[in-house]
């Protein structure tokens, strides 16, 4: 007697969770769908997601697939990057779902033998430690810096209050700001920001702004 055929198993059933990762790892919780992970990166809580955002699909059995960021990050040039707008989420979700189905069913992609996803290999502090403060600026950034001033770009020198507020915003606490202000900085030739602030507050303020906007050179 012929046994009834089993209905095909949806390959997406192998995925049990998703994870959204930004530069400060603000979303450690597992998520049920790619859409939820994408919305985390698009939220106000995310930090520099357009520069370093990742979304990972975790598979049963301890393996994972990193979803290519070209699905949700739009890049132009060396330094310009933006997340897809919320209005395109439906389209992006369909594209990612199709990609996942293909990856999980292709015979040349054996996820059962894939290397388990490694722990995120870098943090903000590790990235800063690798930066060369003497490295030349990318051409696009240099062009922007060389553009003549228009309007009120040149403002009065920042006050100590301005600097402390900017540092607290960057490090998300007074304690974190104090630790950074009292630590030697490569970009300040090994001097501490709190010492340099007395002589050149603009230099310290500019350094904080570069760190906040992801310009490490």
N, C-alpha and C. Protein backbone atom coordinates (compact mmCIF):
# COMPACT_ATOMS: atom_id res chain seq x y z
N UNK A 1 0.85 -1.19 0.00
CA UNK A 1 0.00 0.00 0.00
C UNK A 1 0.89 1.24 0.00
N UNK A 2 0.57 2.14 -0.88
CA UNK A 2 1.39 3.36 -0.99
C UNK A 2 1.12 4.29 0.18
N UNK A 3 2.20 4.72 0.82
CA UNK A 3 2.07 5.65 1.93
C UNK A 3 1.77 7.05 1.40
N UNK A 4 0.88 7.77 2.06
CA UNK A 4 0.60 9.15 1.61
C UNK A 4 1.86 10.00 1.74
N UNK A 5 2.07 10.83 0.75
CA UNK A 5 3.26 11.68 0.76
C UNK A 5 3.12 12.73 1.85
N UNK A 6 4.26 13.04 2.47
CA UNK A 6 4.28 14.06 3.51
C UNK A 6 4.33 15.45 2.88
N UNK A 7 3.61 16.39 3.43
CA UNK A 7 3.68 17.74 2.88
C UNK A 7 5.09 18.29 3.03
N UNK A 8 5.57 19.03 2.04
CA UNK A 8 6.92 19.57 2.13
C UNK A 8 7.07 20.49 3.33
N UNK A 9 8.23 20.41 3.97
CA UNK A 9 8.50 21.26 5.13
C UNK A 9 8.99 22.62 4.67
N UNK A 10 8.43 23.66 5.23
CA UNK A 10 8.85 25.01 4.89
C UNK A 10 10.28 25.20 5.38
N UNK A 11 11.23 25.53 4.50
CA UNK A 11 12.62 25.71 4.95
C UNK A 11 12.77 26.78 6.01
N UNK A 12 11.87 27.76 6.01
CA UNK A 12 11.97 28.83 7.01
C UNK A 12 11.66 28.32 8.41
N UNK A 13 11.07 27.13 8.51
CA UNK A 13 10.78 26.56 9.83
C UNK A 13 12.07 26.21 10.57
N UNK A 14 13.18 26.14 9.84
CA UNK A 14 14.46 25.86 10.49
C UNK A 14 14.98 27.06 11.28
N UNK A 15 14.43 28.23 11.00
CA UNK A 15 14.85 29.44 11.71
C UNK A 15 13.99 29.60 12.96
N UNK A 16 14.64 29.73 14.11
CA UNK A 16 13.87 29.88 15.34
C UNK A 16 13.98 31.28 15.94
N UNK A 17 14.92 32.10 15.46
CA UNK A 17 15.05 33.45 16.01
C UNK A 17 15.91 34.30 15.09
N UNK A 18 15.74 35.61 15.23
CA UNK A 18 16.57 36.58 14.52
C UNK A 18 17.22 37.48 15.57
N UNK A 19 18.27 38.15 15.14
CA UNK A 19 18.96 39.06 16.04
C UNK A 19 19.40 40.30 15.27
N UNK A 20 19.14 41.47 15.82
CA UNK A 20 19.61 42.73 15.25
C UNK A 20 20.82 43.20 16.05
N UNK A 21 21.88 43.61 15.35
CA UNK A 21 23.12 44.02 16.02
C UNK A 21 23.54 45.38 15.50
N UNK A 22 23.70 46.34 16.40
CA UNK A 22 24.28 47.62 16.03
C UNK A 22 25.64 47.74 16.71
N UNK A 23 26.29 48.89 16.54
CA UNK A 23 27.67 49.02 17.02
C UNK A 23 27.77 48.92 18.53
N UNK A 24 26.71 49.26 19.25
CA UNK A 24 26.75 49.17 20.70
C UNK A 24 25.94 48.00 21.24
N UNK A 25 25.51 47.13 20.36
CA UNK A 25 24.82 45.89 20.75
C UNK A 25 23.65 46.18 21.68
N UNK A 26 22.76 47.05 21.24
CA UNK A 26 21.64 47.48 22.09
C UNK A 26 20.42 46.56 21.99
N UNK A 27 20.50 45.53 21.15
CA UNK A 27 19.34 44.66 20.97
C UNK A 27 19.74 43.20 21.20
N UNK A 28 20.04 42.82 22.43
CA UNK A 28 20.51 41.45 22.69
C UNK A 28 19.39 40.41 22.65
N UNK A 29 18.13 40.84 22.70
CA UNK A 29 17.04 39.89 22.79
C UNK A 29 16.79 39.20 21.45
N UNK A 30 16.41 37.91 21.47
CA UNK A 30 16.03 37.23 20.23
C UNK A 30 14.69 37.75 19.73
N UNK A 31 14.52 37.76 18.42
CA UNK A 31 13.31 38.29 17.80
C UNK A 31 12.66 37.22 16.93
N UNK A 32 11.35 37.32 16.77
CA UNK A 32 10.62 36.28 16.05
C UNK A 32 10.71 36.42 14.54
N UNK A 33 10.98 37.61 14.03
CA UNK A 33 10.94 37.79 12.58
C UNK A 33 12.04 38.74 12.12
N UNK A 34 12.34 38.64 10.83
CA UNK A 34 13.29 39.57 10.23
C UNK A 34 12.76 41.00 10.32
N UNK A 35 11.46 41.17 10.15
CA UNK A 35 10.88 42.51 10.20
C UNK A 35 11.16 43.17 11.55
N UNK A 36 11.00 42.42 12.64
CA UNK A 36 11.27 42.98 13.96
C UNK A 36 12.72 43.40 14.09
N UNK A 37 13.63 42.58 13.56
CA UNK A 37 15.05 42.91 13.63
C UNK A 37 15.35 44.17 12.82
N UNK A 38 14.75 44.26 11.64
CA UNK A 38 14.95 45.45 10.81
C UNK A 38 14.42 46.70 11.50
N UNK A 39 13.26 46.59 12.12
CA UNK A 39 12.68 47.75 12.80
C UNK A 39 13.52 48.17 14.01
N UNK A 40 14.21 47.23 14.63
CA UNK A 40 15.14 47.59 15.71
C UNK A 40 16.25 48.50 15.18
N UNK A 41 16.84 48.11 14.05
CA UNK A 41 17.91 48.92 13.47
C UNK A 41 17.40 50.27 13.00
N UNK A 42 16.13 50.33 12.60
CA UNK A 42 15.55 51.59 12.13
C UNK A 42 15.09 52.48 13.27
N UNK A 43 15.07 51.97 14.48
CA UNK A 43 14.54 52.72 15.61
C UNK A 43 15.54 53.77 16.11
N UNK A 44 15.04 54.67 16.94
CA UNK A 44 15.89 55.71 17.51
C UNK A 44 16.91 55.14 18.49
N UNK A 45 16.68 53.95 18.99
CA UNK A 45 17.61 53.35 19.95
C UNK A 45 18.89 52.85 19.30
N UNK A 46 18.86 52.57 18.02
CA UNK A 46 20.03 51.97 17.38
C UNK A 46 21.16 52.99 17.27
N UNK A 47 22.39 52.48 17.24
CA UNK A 47 23.57 53.35 17.17
C UNK A 47 24.36 53.01 15.92
N UNK A 48 24.39 53.95 14.99
CA UNK A 48 25.17 53.82 13.76
C UNK A 48 24.84 52.53 13.01
N UNK A 49 23.56 52.18 12.99
CA UNK A 49 23.16 50.93 12.32
C UNK A 49 23.44 50.98 10.82
N UNK A 50 23.37 52.17 10.23
CA UNK A 50 23.63 52.27 8.80
C UNK A 50 25.09 51.98 8.46
N UNK A 51 25.98 52.15 9.44
CA UNK A 51 27.40 51.92 9.21
C UNK A 51 27.80 50.49 9.55
N UNK A 52 27.09 49.87 10.50
CA UNK A 52 27.58 48.57 10.98
C UNK A 52 26.47 47.59 11.32
N UNK A 53 25.23 47.88 10.93
CA UNK A 53 24.12 47.02 11.32
C UNK A 53 24.21 45.62 10.73
N UNK A 54 23.79 44.65 11.51
CA UNK A 54 23.75 43.26 11.06
C UNK A 54 22.44 42.63 11.51
N UNK A 55 21.94 41.70 10.72
CA UNK A 55 20.80 40.89 11.12
C UNK A 55 21.17 39.43 10.87
N UNK A 56 21.01 38.62 11.90
CA UNK A 56 21.39 37.22 11.84
C UNK A 56 20.16 36.35 12.05
N UNK A 57 20.04 35.31 11.23
CA UNK A 57 18.98 34.31 11.40
C UNK A 57 19.60 33.08 12.06
N UNK A 58 19.07 32.69 13.21
CA UNK A 58 19.59 31.53 13.94
C UNK A 58 18.78 30.29 13.59
N UNK A 59 19.50 29.22 13.25
CA UNK A 59 18.87 27.98 12.81
C UNK A 59 18.88 26.95 13.94
N UNK A 60 17.94 26.07 13.88
CA UNK A 60 17.93 24.96 14.84
C UNK A 60 19.17 24.10 14.61
N UNK A 61 19.80 23.71 15.70
CA UNK A 61 21.02 22.94 15.59
C UNK A 61 22.27 23.74 15.90
N UNK A 62 22.09 25.03 16.22
CA UNK A 62 23.23 25.83 16.66
C UNK A 62 23.95 26.57 15.57
N UNK A 63 23.34 26.72 14.39
CA UNK A 63 24.00 27.41 13.29
C UNK A 63 23.26 28.71 12.96
N UNK A 64 23.84 29.48 12.06
CA UNK A 64 23.26 30.79 11.78
C UNK A 64 23.60 31.23 10.37
N UNK A 65 22.78 32.13 9.86
CA UNK A 65 23.03 32.77 8.57
C UNK A 65 23.01 34.28 8.78
N UNK A 66 24.06 34.94 8.34
CA UNK A 66 24.08 36.40 8.38
C UNK A 66 23.43 36.91 7.10
N UNK A 67 22.39 37.70 7.25
CA UNK A 67 21.65 38.21 6.10
C UNK A 67 22.44 39.35 5.47
N UNK A 68 22.73 39.29 4.17
CA UNK A 68 23.53 40.34 3.53
C UNK A 68 22.94 41.73 3.78
N UNK A 69 23.80 42.66 4.19
CA UNK A 69 23.28 43.98 4.56
C UNK A 69 22.83 44.81 3.37
N UNK A 70 23.16 44.37 2.14
CA UNK A 70 22.68 45.14 0.99
C UNK A 70 21.16 45.11 0.86
N UNK A 71 20.52 44.18 1.57
CA UNK A 71 19.06 44.16 1.57
C UNK A 71 18.48 45.36 2.32
N UNK A 72 19.19 45.82 3.36
CA UNK A 72 18.59 46.86 4.21
C UNK A 72 19.47 48.09 4.43
N UNK A 73 20.68 48.11 3.86
CA UNK A 73 21.54 49.28 3.95
C UNK A 73 21.84 49.77 2.53
N UNK A 74 21.58 51.04 2.29
CA UNK A 74 21.84 51.65 0.98
C UNK A 74 23.15 52.44 1.07
N UNK A 75 24.10 52.11 0.22
CA UNK A 75 25.40 52.78 0.24
C UNK A 75 25.63 53.54 -1.06
N UNK A 76 26.30 54.69 -0.90
CA UNK A 76 26.74 55.47 -2.06
C UNK A 76 28.07 56.11 -1.70
N UNK A 77 29.09 55.80 -2.47
CA UNK A 77 30.42 56.31 -2.16
C UNK A 77 31.04 55.55 -1.01
N UNK A 78 32.12 56.11 -0.46
CA UNK A 78 32.88 55.43 0.57
C UNK A 78 32.29 55.59 1.96
N UNK A 79 31.60 56.69 2.21
CA UNK A 79 31.19 56.97 3.58
C UNK A 79 29.69 57.15 3.75
N UNK A 80 28.94 57.28 2.67
CA UNK A 80 27.51 57.53 2.77
C UNK A 80 26.75 56.21 2.84
N UNK A 81 25.94 56.06 3.88
CA UNK A 81 25.13 54.85 4.04
C UNK A 81 23.88 55.20 4.83
N UNK A 82 22.76 54.64 4.41
CA UNK A 82 21.49 54.86 5.10
C UNK A 82 20.72 53.55 5.15
N UNK A 83 19.89 53.41 6.18
CA UNK A 83 19.00 52.27 6.25
C UNK A 83 17.81 52.48 5.31
N UNK A 84 17.25 51.40 4.83
CA UNK A 84 16.07 51.53 3.97
C UNK A 84 14.96 52.21 4.77
N UNK A 85 14.14 53.03 4.14
CA UNK A 85 13.04 53.69 4.86
C UNK A 85 11.96 52.68 5.26
N UNK A 86 11.21 53.03 6.29
CA UNK A 86 10.16 52.14 6.78
C UNK A 86 9.16 51.77 5.69
N UNK A 87 8.93 52.68 4.76
CA UNK A 87 7.95 52.43 3.72
C UNK A 87 8.33 51.29 2.78
N UNK A 88 9.59 50.87 2.81
CA UNK A 88 10.04 49.77 1.94
C UNK A 88 10.19 48.45 2.69
N UNK A 89 9.77 48.42 3.94
CA UNK A 89 9.96 47.20 4.73
C UNK A 89 9.27 45.98 4.14
N UNK A 90 8.05 46.17 3.61
CA UNK A 90 7.35 45.02 3.02
C UNK A 90 8.16 44.43 1.87
N UNK A 91 8.67 45.30 1.02
CA UNK A 91 9.46 44.84 -0.12
C UNK A 91 10.74 44.15 0.33
N UNK A 92 11.42 44.74 1.32
CA UNK A 92 12.66 44.15 1.81
C UNK A 92 12.40 42.80 2.46
N UNK A 93 11.33 42.69 3.23
CA UNK A 93 11.02 41.43 3.90
C UNK A 93 10.76 40.32 2.88
N UNK A 94 10.08 40.64 1.79
CA UNK A 94 9.83 39.63 0.75
C UNK A 94 11.14 39.19 0.09
N UNK A 95 12.03 40.15 -0.16
CA UNK A 95 13.31 39.81 -0.79
C UNK A 95 14.16 38.94 0.13
N UNK A 96 14.18 39.28 1.41
CA UNK A 96 14.97 38.49 2.37
C UNK A 96 14.38 37.10 2.54
N UNK A 97 13.05 37.01 2.59
CA UNK A 97 12.42 35.70 2.72
C UNK A 97 12.77 34.81 1.53
N UNK A 98 12.76 35.38 0.33
CA UNK A 98 13.12 34.61 -0.86
C UNK A 98 14.58 34.16 -0.79
N UNK A 99 15.45 35.06 -0.32
CA UNK A 99 16.88 34.71 -0.21
C UNK A 99 17.08 33.60 0.81
N UNK A 100 16.40 33.68 1.94
CA UNK A 100 16.54 32.65 2.97
C UNK A 100 16.05 31.30 2.46
N UNK A 101 14.93 31.30 1.76
CA UNK A 101 14.42 30.04 1.21
C UNK A 101 15.43 29.41 0.25
N UNK A 102 16.03 30.26 -0.58
CA UNK A 102 17.02 29.75 -1.53
C UNK A 102 18.24 29.19 -0.79
N UNK A 103 18.73 29.93 0.19
CA UNK A 103 19.92 29.49 0.90
C UNK A 103 19.68 28.20 1.67
N UNK A 104 18.47 28.03 2.18
CA UNK A 104 18.17 26.86 3.00
C UNK A 104 17.78 25.63 2.18
N UNK A 105 17.65 25.80 0.88
CA UNK A 105 17.28 24.67 0.02
C UNK A 105 18.31 24.37 -1.05
N UNK A 106 19.27 25.26 -1.26
CA UNK A 106 20.28 25.02 -2.29
C UNK A 106 21.15 23.84 -1.91
N UNK A 107 21.41 22.92 -2.84
CA UNK A 107 22.22 21.74 -2.50
C UNK A 107 23.68 22.08 -2.21
N UNK A 108 24.16 23.22 -2.74
CA UNK A 108 25.56 23.57 -2.52
C UNK A 108 25.77 24.37 -1.25
N UNK A 109 24.70 24.63 -0.51
CA UNK A 109 24.82 25.34 0.76
C UNK A 109 24.37 24.39 1.86
N UNK A 110 25.33 23.74 2.49
CA UNK A 110 25.02 22.75 3.52
C UNK A 110 25.12 23.41 4.89
N UNK A 111 24.01 23.94 5.35
CA UNK A 111 24.04 24.66 6.63
C UNK A 111 24.22 23.72 7.81
N UNK A 112 24.01 22.41 7.61
CA UNK A 112 24.22 21.49 8.72
C UNK A 112 25.71 21.37 9.05
N UNK A 113 26.56 21.77 8.12
CA UNK A 113 28.00 21.73 8.36
C UNK A 113 28.60 23.13 8.46
N UNK A 114 27.72 24.10 8.56
CA UNK A 114 28.21 25.48 8.63
C UNK A 114 28.92 25.72 9.96
N UNK A 115 29.82 26.66 9.94
CA UNK A 115 30.50 27.04 11.18
C UNK A 115 29.53 27.86 12.02
N UNK A 116 29.34 27.51 13.28
CA UNK A 116 28.42 28.29 14.12
C UNK A 116 28.81 29.75 14.13
N UNK A 117 27.81 30.61 14.23
CA UNK A 117 28.07 32.05 14.23
C UNK A 117 28.99 32.42 15.38
N UNK A 118 30.03 33.16 15.08
CA UNK A 118 30.96 33.58 16.11
C UNK A 118 30.41 34.77 16.86
N UNK A 119 30.97 34.99 18.02
CA UNK A 119 30.61 36.18 18.78
C UNK A 119 31.04 37.40 17.98
N UNK A 120 30.28 38.46 18.06
CA UNK A 120 30.60 39.68 17.30
C UNK A 120 32.06 40.04 17.53
N UNK A 121 32.85 40.16 16.44
CA UNK A 121 34.30 40.23 16.60
C UNK A 121 34.85 41.59 17.00
N UNK A 122 34.02 42.61 17.17
CA UNK A 122 34.59 43.90 17.52
C UNK A 122 33.59 44.73 18.30
N UNK A 123 34.12 45.66 19.06
CA UNK A 123 33.31 46.61 19.80
C UNK A 123 33.78 48.01 19.42
N UNK A 124 33.08 49.02 19.92
CA UNK A 124 33.47 50.39 19.62
C UNK A 124 34.88 50.68 20.10
N UNK A 125 35.22 50.22 21.31
CA UNK A 125 36.56 50.46 21.85
C UNK A 125 37.63 49.78 20.99
N UNK A 126 37.33 48.57 20.50
CA UNK A 126 38.30 47.87 19.65
C UNK A 126 38.49 48.58 18.32
N UNK A 127 37.40 49.11 17.77
CA UNK A 127 37.52 49.86 16.52
C UNK A 127 38.36 51.11 16.71
N UNK A 128 38.12 51.82 17.81
CA UNK A 128 38.88 53.04 18.07
C UNK A 128 40.36 52.74 18.26
N UNK A 129 40.66 51.60 18.90
CA UNK A 129 42.05 51.23 19.14
C UNK A 129 42.79 50.95 17.84
N UNK A 130 42.05 50.57 16.80
CA UNK A 130 42.67 50.26 15.51
C UNK A 130 42.79 51.48 14.60
N UNK A 131 42.24 52.61 15.03
CA UNK A 131 42.22 53.79 14.16
C UNK A 131 43.59 54.47 14.12
N UNK A 132 43.91 55.00 12.97
CA UNK A 132 45.14 55.77 12.79
C UNK A 132 44.76 57.24 12.68
N UNK A 133 45.03 58.04 13.72
CA UNK A 133 44.64 59.46 13.67
C UNK A 133 45.36 60.24 12.59
N UNK A 134 46.44 59.69 12.04
CA UNK A 134 47.20 60.38 10.99
C UNK A 134 46.77 59.94 9.59
N UNK A 135 45.82 59.03 9.50
CA UNK A 135 45.40 58.54 8.18
C UNK A 135 44.70 59.65 7.41
N UNK A 136 44.90 59.71 6.10
CA UNK A 136 44.24 60.75 5.30
C UNK A 136 42.73 60.55 5.27
N UNK A 137 42.00 61.64 5.17
CA UNK A 137 40.55 61.56 5.10
C UNK A 137 40.12 61.00 3.75
N UNK A 138 39.01 60.28 3.70
CA UNK A 138 38.46 59.87 2.40
C UNK A 138 38.20 61.10 1.53
N UNK A 139 38.28 60.92 0.23
CA UNK A 139 38.15 62.06 -0.69
C UNK A 139 36.84 62.81 -0.50
N UNK A 140 35.73 62.07 -0.30
CA UNK A 140 34.43 62.73 -0.15
C UNK A 140 34.39 63.59 1.10
N UNK A 141 34.97 63.08 2.20
CA UNK A 141 34.98 63.84 3.44
C UNK A 141 35.87 65.07 3.31
N UNK A 142 37.02 64.92 2.65
CA UNK A 142 37.92 66.05 2.47
C UNK A 142 37.28 67.13 1.62
N UNK A 143 36.54 66.72 0.59
CA UNK A 143 35.84 67.69 -0.26
C UNK A 143 34.83 68.48 0.56
N UNK A 144 34.11 67.78 1.43
CA UNK A 144 33.13 68.45 2.29
C UNK A 144 33.81 69.43 3.24
N UNK A 145 34.95 69.03 3.80
CA UNK A 145 35.65 69.91 4.73
C UNK A 145 36.22 71.14 4.03
N UNK A 146 36.59 70.99 2.75
CA UNK A 146 37.17 72.10 2.00
C UNK A 146 36.12 73.04 1.42
N UNK A 147 34.85 72.69 1.56
CA UNK A 147 33.78 73.53 1.02
C UNK A 147 33.72 74.85 1.79
N UNK A 148 33.62 75.99 1.10
CA UNK A 148 33.56 77.29 1.81
C UNK A 148 32.37 77.34 2.77
N UNK A 149 32.56 78.05 3.88
CA UNK A 149 31.50 78.19 4.87
C UNK A 149 30.33 78.98 4.30
N UNK A 150 29.13 78.55 4.67
CA UNK A 150 27.92 79.24 4.26
C UNK A 150 27.06 79.42 5.49
N UNK A 151 26.56 80.63 5.72
CA UNK A 151 25.68 80.84 6.86
C UNK A 151 26.45 80.89 8.16
N UNK A 152 26.04 80.06 9.17
CA UNK A 152 26.59 80.17 10.52
C UNK A 152 27.33 78.91 10.94
N UNK A 153 28.08 78.29 10.01
CA UNK A 153 28.82 77.10 10.39
C UNK A 153 29.89 77.40 11.43
N UNK A 154 30.51 78.60 11.35
CA UNK A 154 31.55 78.95 12.30
C UNK A 154 30.88 79.55 13.53
N UNK A 155 30.92 78.83 14.63
CA UNK A 155 30.27 79.25 15.86
C UNK A 155 31.31 79.59 16.91
N UNK A 156 30.86 80.09 18.02
CA UNK A 156 31.77 80.39 19.12
C UNK A 156 32.36 79.09 19.66
N UNK A 157 33.54 79.21 20.25
CA UNK A 157 34.20 78.03 20.80
C UNK A 157 33.30 77.37 21.85
N UNK A 158 33.25 76.05 21.87
CA UNK A 158 32.39 75.36 22.84
C UNK A 158 32.89 75.59 24.27
N UNK A 159 31.96 75.64 25.18
CA UNK A 159 32.30 75.79 26.59
C UNK A 159 32.55 74.41 27.21
N UNK A 160 33.06 74.41 28.44
CA UNK A 160 33.26 73.14 29.14
C UNK A 160 31.92 72.41 29.31
N UNK A 161 30.87 73.17 29.54
CA UNK A 161 29.54 72.55 29.67
C UNK A 161 29.15 71.86 28.37
N UNK A 162 29.41 72.53 27.23
CA UNK A 162 29.11 71.92 25.93
C UNK A 162 29.86 70.61 25.75
N UNK A 163 31.13 70.61 26.14
CA UNK A 163 31.96 69.42 25.96
C UNK A 163 31.48 68.28 26.85
N UNK A 164 31.19 68.59 28.11
CA UNK A 164 30.72 67.53 29.01
C UNK A 164 29.37 66.97 28.55
N UNK A 165 28.50 67.84 28.09
CA UNK A 165 27.20 67.36 27.61
C UNK A 165 27.37 66.46 26.39
N UNK A 166 28.27 66.85 25.49
CA UNK A 166 28.51 66.04 24.30
C UNK A 166 29.12 64.69 24.67
N UNK A 167 30.05 64.70 25.63
CA UNK A 167 30.68 63.45 26.06
C UNK A 167 29.68 62.52 26.74
N UNK A 168 28.80 63.09 27.56
CA UNK A 168 27.78 62.27 28.22
C UNK A 168 26.80 61.70 27.20
N UNK A 169 26.51 62.47 26.17
CA UNK A 169 25.62 61.96 25.13
C UNK A 169 26.29 60.81 24.37
N UNK A 170 27.58 60.95 24.10
CA UNK A 170 28.30 59.92 23.35
C UNK A 170 28.42 58.63 24.15
N UNK A 171 28.78 58.76 25.44
CA UNK A 171 29.03 57.57 26.25
C UNK A 171 27.84 57.19 27.14
N UNK A 172 26.74 57.94 26.98
CA UNK A 172 25.46 57.58 27.59
C UNK A 172 25.44 57.62 29.12
N UNK A 173 26.43 58.23 29.73
CA UNK A 173 26.41 58.39 31.19
C UNK A 173 27.51 59.36 31.60
N UNK A 174 27.34 59.95 32.77
CA UNK A 174 28.37 60.84 33.30
C UNK A 174 29.63 60.04 33.63
N UNK A 175 29.43 58.84 34.16
CA UNK A 175 30.58 58.00 34.53
C UNK A 175 31.41 57.64 33.30
N UNK A 176 30.72 57.26 32.21
CA UNK A 176 31.45 56.93 30.99
C UNK A 176 32.18 58.13 30.42
N UNK A 177 31.53 59.30 30.50
CA UNK A 177 32.17 60.52 30.01
C UNK A 177 33.41 60.85 30.82
N UNK A 178 33.32 60.72 32.15
CA UNK A 178 34.47 61.02 33.00
C UNK A 178 35.63 60.07 32.73
N UNK A 179 35.30 58.80 32.52
CA UNK A 179 36.36 57.82 32.24
C UNK A 179 37.09 58.18 30.95
N UNK A 180 36.33 58.56 29.92
CA UNK A 180 36.96 58.92 28.64
C UNK A 180 37.74 60.22 28.76
N UNK A 181 37.18 61.21 29.45
CA UNK A 181 37.84 62.51 29.57
C UNK A 181 39.17 62.40 30.31
N UNK A 182 39.32 61.40 31.17
CA UNK A 182 40.53 61.26 31.97
C UNK A 182 41.49 60.22 31.41
N UNK A 183 41.17 59.68 30.22
CA UNK A 183 42.02 58.66 29.61
C UNK A 183 42.81 59.26 28.45
N UNK A 184 44.08 58.87 28.28
CA UNK A 184 44.87 59.39 27.15
C UNK A 184 44.21 59.01 25.83
N UNK A 185 44.23 59.94 24.89
CA UNK A 185 43.61 59.71 23.58
C UNK A 185 44.67 59.81 22.49
N UNK A 186 44.68 58.83 21.59
CA UNK A 186 45.65 58.84 20.50
C UNK A 186 45.49 60.09 19.65
N UNK A 187 44.24 60.46 19.39
CA UNK A 187 43.98 61.63 18.55
C UNK A 187 44.46 62.93 19.18
N UNK A 188 44.72 62.90 20.49
CA UNK A 188 45.23 64.09 21.20
C UNK A 188 46.70 63.90 21.57
N UNK A 189 47.37 63.03 20.81
CA UNK A 189 48.80 62.76 21.01
C UNK A 189 49.10 62.25 22.42
N UNK A 190 48.20 61.41 22.91
CA UNK A 190 48.42 60.77 24.20
C UNK A 190 48.00 61.58 25.40
N UNK A 191 47.50 62.77 25.19
CA UNK A 191 47.04 63.60 26.31
C UNK A 191 45.59 63.27 26.62
N UNK A 192 45.15 63.63 27.81
CA UNK A 192 43.77 63.38 28.19
C UNK A 192 42.88 64.52 27.71
N UNK A 193 41.66 64.22 27.30
CA UNK A 193 40.75 65.29 26.86
C UNK A 193 40.52 66.36 27.92
N UNK A 194 40.49 65.96 29.20
CA UNK A 194 40.21 66.95 30.24
C UNK A 194 41.34 67.97 30.36
N UNK A 195 42.58 67.55 30.04
CA UNK A 195 43.70 68.49 30.06
C UNK A 195 43.70 69.37 28.82
N UNK A 196 43.47 68.76 27.66
CA UNK A 196 43.47 69.52 26.41
C UNK A 196 42.33 70.53 26.39
N UNK A 197 41.22 70.18 27.04
CA UNK A 197 40.05 71.06 27.05
C UNK A 197 40.38 72.45 27.58
N UNK A 198 41.32 72.54 28.50
CA UNK A 198 41.68 73.83 29.09
C UNK A 198 42.33 74.73 28.04
N UNK A 199 43.20 74.14 27.20
CA UNK A 199 43.93 74.92 26.20
C UNK A 199 43.17 75.05 24.89
N UNK A 200 42.50 73.97 24.48
CA UNK A 200 41.87 73.96 23.16
C UNK A 200 40.54 73.21 23.23
N UNK A 201 39.50 73.84 23.77
CA UNK A 201 38.21 73.15 23.89
C UNK A 201 37.63 72.72 22.55
N UNK A 202 37.91 73.49 21.50
CA UNK A 202 37.37 73.14 20.19
C UNK A 202 37.91 71.80 19.71
N UNK A 203 39.18 71.53 19.99
CA UNK A 203 39.80 70.28 19.56
C UNK A 203 39.12 69.08 20.22
N UNK A 204 38.84 69.20 21.50
CA UNK A 204 38.17 68.10 22.22
C UNK A 204 36.74 67.93 21.73
N UNK A 205 36.06 69.05 21.55
CA UNK A 205 34.67 68.99 21.08
C UNK A 205 34.59 68.36 19.69
N UNK A 206 35.50 68.75 18.81
CA UNK A 206 35.52 68.19 17.45
C UNK A 206 35.78 66.69 17.49
N UNK A 207 36.66 66.25 18.39
CA UNK A 207 36.95 64.82 18.51
C UNK A 207 35.69 64.06 18.93
N UNK A 208 34.96 64.60 19.88
CA UNK A 208 33.71 63.95 20.33
C UNK A 208 32.72 63.87 19.18
N UNK A 209 32.62 64.94 18.40
CA UNK A 209 31.69 64.94 17.27
C UNK A 209 32.08 63.89 16.23
N UNK A 210 33.38 63.75 15.99
CA UNK A 210 33.82 62.74 15.02
C UNK A 210 33.48 61.34 15.51
N UNK A 211 33.70 61.09 16.80
CA UNK A 211 33.37 59.78 17.35
C UNK A 211 31.86 59.52 17.29
N UNK A 212 31.08 60.55 17.58
CA UNK A 212 29.63 60.37 17.59
C UNK A 212 29.08 60.05 16.21
N UNK A 213 29.69 60.63 15.18
CA UNK A 213 29.19 60.41 13.83
C UNK A 213 30.01 59.38 13.06
N UNK A 214 30.88 58.67 13.77
CA UNK A 214 31.56 57.54 13.15
C UNK A 214 32.72 57.90 12.26
N UNK A 215 33.30 59.09 12.43
CA UNK A 215 34.48 59.48 11.65
C UNK A 215 35.68 59.30 12.55
N UNK A 216 36.41 58.20 12.36
CA UNK A 216 37.47 57.83 13.30
C UNK A 216 38.85 58.33 12.89
N UNK A 217 38.98 58.89 11.69
CA UNK A 217 40.30 59.35 11.26
C UNK A 217 40.50 60.79 11.65
